[in-house]
Amino acid sequence: MATRRSIVTPAPAEPAARRAAPPRAAAASTKAARQIARISPEDRRAMIAESAYLRAERRGFAPGHEEADWLAAEEEVDALLEHRYGGPAQ
């Protein structure tokens, strides 16, 4: 006696990118982490140096305020990086 066989076709596989995609919140934090990682210590230092220079320029380059300019510039740049990338600067 012959039996009837059903033919089952497998569902098409999802593309690997779709399958491996993290949830939106995780994707956003991963993106921010990658962006923070791209800011090198040399880039951060250059940003601080430029900010300190601009502060000194606004003061007319009066001597005696170099350290205060640098420290204020560090705070400004770190706050900017933290706000921009959602994490502390490296």
N, C-alpha and C. Protein backbone atom coordinates (compact mmCIF):
# COMPACT_ATOMS: atom_id res chain seq x y z
N MET A 1 0.83 -1.16 0.00
CA MET A 1 0.00 0.00 0.00
C MET A 1 0.89 1.25 0.00
N ALA A 2 0.54 2.14 -0.80
CA ALA A 2 1.31 3.36 -0.94
C ALA A 2 0.82 4.39 0.07
N THR A 3 1.77 5.09 0.67
CA THR A 3 1.39 6.16 1.60
C THR A 3 1.70 7.50 0.97
N ARG A 4 0.95 8.43 1.37
CA ARG A 4 1.14 9.77 0.82
C ARG A 4 2.13 10.53 1.71
N ARG A 5 3.12 11.08 1.10
CA ARG A 5 4.12 11.88 1.83
C ARG A 5 3.85 13.36 1.60
N SER A 6 3.94 14.11 2.66
CA SER A 6 3.81 15.55 2.47
C SER A 6 5.21 16.14 2.26
N ILE A 7 5.24 17.08 1.42
CA ILE A 7 6.50 17.75 1.15
C ILE A 7 6.48 19.07 1.94
N VAL A 8 7.44 19.18 2.79
CA VAL A 8 7.53 20.39 3.61
C VAL A 8 8.68 21.21 3.08
N THR A 9 8.39 22.42 2.71
CA THR A 9 9.47 23.31 2.26
C THR A 9 9.86 24.19 3.43
N PRO A 10 11.13 24.26 3.69
CA PRO A 10 11.57 25.10 4.82
C PRO A 10 11.30 26.57 4.53
N ALA A 11 11.03 27.30 5.58
CA ALA A 11 10.82 28.74 5.46
C ALA A 11 12.14 29.38 5.04
N PRO A 12 12.08 30.44 4.24
CA PRO A 12 13.33 31.09 3.84
C PRO A 12 14.05 31.64 5.07
N ALA A 13 15.35 31.48 5.06
CA ALA A 13 16.16 31.95 6.19
C ALA A 13 16.20 33.48 6.19
N GLU A 14 16.23 34.03 7.40
CA GLU A 14 16.35 35.48 7.52
C GLU A 14 17.78 35.88 7.19
N PRO A 15 17.96 37.06 6.63
CA PRO A 15 19.33 37.52 6.40
C PRO A 15 20.08 37.61 7.73
N ALA A 16 21.36 37.36 7.68
CA ALA A 16 22.18 37.35 8.90
C ALA A 16 22.13 38.70 9.62
N ALA A 17 22.11 39.78 8.87
CA ALA A 17 22.08 41.10 9.50
C ALA A 17 20.80 41.30 10.30
N ARG A 18 19.69 40.83 9.78
CA ARG A 18 18.43 40.99 10.48
C ARG A 18 18.39 40.11 11.72
N ARG A 19 18.89 38.91 11.61
CA ARG A 19 18.88 37.97 12.72
C ARG A 19 19.75 38.45 13.87
N ALA A 20 20.89 39.04 13.54
CA ALA A 20 21.86 39.40 14.57
C ALA A 20 21.67 40.82 15.10
N ALA A 21 20.70 41.55 14.60
CA ALA A 21 20.53 42.94 15.02
C ALA A 21 20.10 43.02 16.48
N PRO A 22 20.82 43.82 17.28
CA PRO A 22 20.43 43.99 18.68
C PRO A 22 19.21 44.89 18.78
N PRO A 23 18.51 44.88 19.90
CA PRO A 23 17.38 45.79 20.09
C PRO A 23 17.84 47.23 19.96
N ARG A 24 16.90 48.13 19.70
CA ARG A 24 17.26 49.53 19.45
C ARG A 24 18.08 50.16 20.58
N ALA A 25 17.67 49.97 21.81
CA ALA A 25 18.39 50.58 22.94
C ALA A 25 19.81 50.07 22.99
N ALA A 26 20.00 48.79 22.81
CA ALA A 26 21.34 48.22 22.84
C ALA A 26 22.15 48.72 21.65
N ALA A 27 21.51 48.87 20.51
CA ALA A 27 22.20 49.36 19.32
C ALA A 27 22.67 50.79 19.54
N ALA A 28 21.85 51.62 20.17
CA ALA A 28 22.23 53.00 20.42
C ALA A 28 23.42 53.08 21.36
N SER A 29 23.41 52.29 22.43
CA SER A 29 24.53 52.34 23.36
C SER A 29 25.79 51.78 22.73
N THR A 30 25.65 50.78 21.87
CA THR A 30 26.80 50.23 21.17
C THR A 30 27.39 51.28 20.23
N LYS A 31 26.53 52.01 19.54
CA LYS A 31 26.98 53.05 18.63
C LYS A 31 27.72 54.14 19.40
N ALA A 32 27.18 54.54 20.54
CA ALA A 32 27.84 55.56 21.35
C ALA A 32 29.19 55.07 21.84
N ALA A 33 29.27 53.82 22.25
CA ALA A 33 30.54 53.27 22.72
C ALA A 33 31.57 53.26 21.60
N ARG A 34 31.14 52.93 20.37
CA ARG A 34 32.08 52.94 19.25
C ARG A 34 32.55 54.35 18.97
N GLN A 35 31.66 55.34 19.08
CA GLN A 35 32.04 56.72 18.81
C GLN A 35 33.01 57.23 19.87
N ILE A 36 32.76 56.88 21.13
CA ILE A 36 33.67 57.30 22.19
C ILE A 36 35.04 56.69 21.96
N ALA A 37 35.06 55.43 21.55
CA ALA A 37 36.32 54.75 21.33
C ALA A 37 37.12 55.43 20.22
N ARG A 38 36.45 56.12 19.30
CA ARG A 38 37.16 56.78 18.21
C ARG A 38 37.85 58.06 18.64
N ILE A 39 37.52 58.59 19.80
CA ILE A 39 38.15 59.82 20.27
C ILE A 39 39.42 59.42 21.02
N SER A 40 40.52 59.67 20.38
CA SER A 40 41.80 59.28 20.97
C SER A 40 42.22 60.30 22.02
N PRO A 41 43.12 59.89 22.91
CA PRO A 41 43.64 60.85 23.89
C PRO A 41 44.29 62.07 23.21
N GLU A 42 44.90 61.85 22.05
CA GLU A 42 45.53 62.96 21.34
C GLU A 42 44.47 63.95 20.83
N ASP A 43 43.34 63.41 20.33
CA ASP A 43 42.25 64.28 19.86
C ASP A 43 41.65 65.06 21.02
N ARG A 44 41.46 64.39 22.15
CA ARG A 44 40.91 65.06 23.33
C ARG A 44 41.85 66.18 23.77
N ARG A 45 43.15 65.89 23.80
CA ARG A 45 44.13 66.90 24.21
C ARG A 45 44.12 68.08 23.24
N ALA A 46 44.00 67.81 21.95
CA ALA A 46 43.95 68.89 20.95
C ALA A 46 42.72 69.76 21.16
N MET A 47 41.59 69.14 21.49
CA MET A 47 40.37 69.91 21.75
C MET A 47 40.55 70.80 22.97
N ILE A 48 41.18 70.26 24.00
CA ILE A 48 41.42 71.03 25.23
C ILE A 48 42.38 72.18 24.94
N ALA A 49 43.45 71.91 24.19
CA ALA A 49 44.42 72.96 23.87
C ALA A 49 43.77 74.10 23.09
N GLU A 50 42.92 73.76 22.13
CA GLU A 50 42.24 74.79 21.35
C GLU A 50 41.30 75.62 22.23
N SER A 51 40.56 74.95 23.10
CA SER A 51 39.66 75.66 23.99
C SER A 51 40.42 76.58 24.94
N ALA A 52 41.53 76.08 25.48
CA ALA A 52 42.35 76.89 26.39
C ALA A 52 42.93 78.10 25.65
N TYR A 53 43.36 77.90 24.41
CA TYR A 53 43.89 79.00 23.61
C TYR A 53 42.82 80.07 23.39
N LEU A 54 41.61 79.64 23.05
CA LEU A 54 40.53 80.59 22.81
C LEU A 54 40.17 81.36 24.08
N ARG A 55 40.25 80.69 25.22
CA ARG A 55 40.00 81.39 26.49
C ARG A 55 41.07 82.45 26.73
N ALA A 56 42.33 82.09 26.49
CA ALA A 56 43.42 83.05 26.66
C ALA A 56 43.27 84.22 25.68
N GLU A 57 42.87 83.92 24.46
CA GLU A 57 42.68 84.97 23.47
C GLU A 57 41.60 85.95 23.90
N ARG A 58 40.50 85.44 24.46
CA ARG A 58 39.42 86.32 24.93
C ARG A 58 39.90 87.22 26.07
N ARG A 59 40.88 86.75 26.83
CA ARG A 59 41.44 87.54 27.92
C ARG A 59 42.53 88.49 27.44
N GLY A 60 42.88 88.42 26.18
CA GLY A 60 43.95 89.26 25.66
C GLY A 60 45.33 88.69 25.98
N PHE A 61 45.41 87.39 26.22
CA PHE A 61 46.65 86.68 26.54
C PHE A 61 47.37 87.24 27.76
N ALA A 62 46.59 87.74 28.73
CA ALA A 62 47.19 88.23 29.98
C ALA A 62 47.86 87.05 30.68
N PRO A 63 49.10 87.21 31.11
CA PRO A 63 49.82 86.10 31.74
C PRO A 63 49.28 85.77 33.14
N GLY A 64 49.55 84.53 33.56
CA GLY A 64 49.20 84.11 34.90
C GLY A 64 47.92 83.30 35.01
N HIS A 65 47.25 83.07 33.90
CA HIS A 65 45.98 82.34 33.94
C HIS A 65 46.01 81.05 33.12
N GLU A 66 47.21 80.61 32.75
CA GLU A 66 47.34 79.46 31.86
C GLU A 66 46.74 78.18 32.46
N GLU A 67 47.05 77.92 33.73
CA GLU A 67 46.54 76.70 34.37
C GLU A 67 45.01 76.75 34.52
N ALA A 68 44.48 77.89 34.91
CA ALA A 68 43.03 78.03 35.04
C ALA A 68 42.34 77.85 33.69
N ASP A 69 42.95 78.39 32.62
CA ASP A 69 42.38 78.22 31.28
C ASP A 69 42.37 76.74 30.90
N TRP A 70 43.47 76.04 31.18
CA TRP A 70 43.57 74.63 30.81
C TRP A 70 42.54 73.79 31.58
N LEU A 71 42.44 74.03 32.88
CA LEU A 71 41.50 73.24 33.69
C LEU A 71 40.04 73.50 33.28
N ALA A 72 39.72 74.76 32.99
CA ALA A 72 38.37 75.09 32.54
C ALA A 72 38.09 74.46 31.18
N ALA A 73 39.10 74.45 30.32
CA ALA A 73 38.94 73.84 29.00
C ALA A 73 38.75 72.33 29.13
N GLU A 74 39.48 71.69 30.03
CA GLU A 74 39.30 70.24 30.27
C GLU A 74 37.86 69.94 30.68
N GLU A 75 37.34 70.71 31.62
CA GLU A 75 35.96 70.50 32.07
C GLU A 75 34.97 70.69 30.93
N GLU A 76 35.20 71.73 30.13
CA GLU A 76 34.31 72.02 29.01
C GLU A 76 34.31 70.89 27.98
N VAL A 77 35.49 70.43 27.61
CA VAL A 77 35.61 69.38 26.59
C VAL A 77 35.04 68.07 27.12
N ASP A 78 35.35 67.71 28.36
CA ASP A 78 34.83 66.47 28.92
C ASP A 78 33.30 66.49 29.01
N ALA A 79 32.74 67.63 29.39
CA ALA A 79 31.28 67.75 29.45
C ALA A 79 30.68 67.64 28.05
N LEU A 80 31.32 68.24 27.07
CA LEU A 80 30.85 68.16 25.69
C LEU A 80 30.87 66.72 25.20
N LEU A 81 31.97 66.02 25.45
CA LEU A 81 32.09 64.63 24.99
C LEU A 81 31.09 63.73 25.71
N GLU A 82 30.89 63.96 27.00
CA GLU A 82 29.94 63.15 27.74
C GLU A 82 28.52 63.39 27.23
N HIS A 83 28.18 64.63 26.98
CA HIS A 83 26.85 64.95 26.47
C HIS A 83 26.66 64.38 25.06
N ARG A 84 27.66 64.53 24.24
CA ARG A 84 27.57 64.10 22.83
C ARG A 84 27.48 62.58 22.70
N TYR A 85 28.29 61.87 23.47
CA TYR A 85 28.39 60.43 23.30
C TYR A 85 27.79 59.62 24.45
N GLY A 86 27.24 60.29 25.44
CA GLY A 86 26.54 59.58 26.49
C GLY A 86 27.42 58.80 27.44
N GLY A 87 28.65 59.15 27.54
CA GLY A 87 29.55 58.46 28.45
C GLY A 87 30.75 59.30 28.74
N PRO A 88 31.54 58.93 29.71
CA PRO A 88 32.72 59.72 30.04
C PRO A 88 33.74 59.69 28.91
N ALA A 89 34.48 60.73 28.81
CA ALA A 89 35.54 60.79 27.80
C ALA A 89 36.67 59.85 28.20
N GLN A 90 37.39 59.38 27.23
CA GLN A 90 38.52 58.49 27.52
C GLN A 90 39.81 59.24 27.48
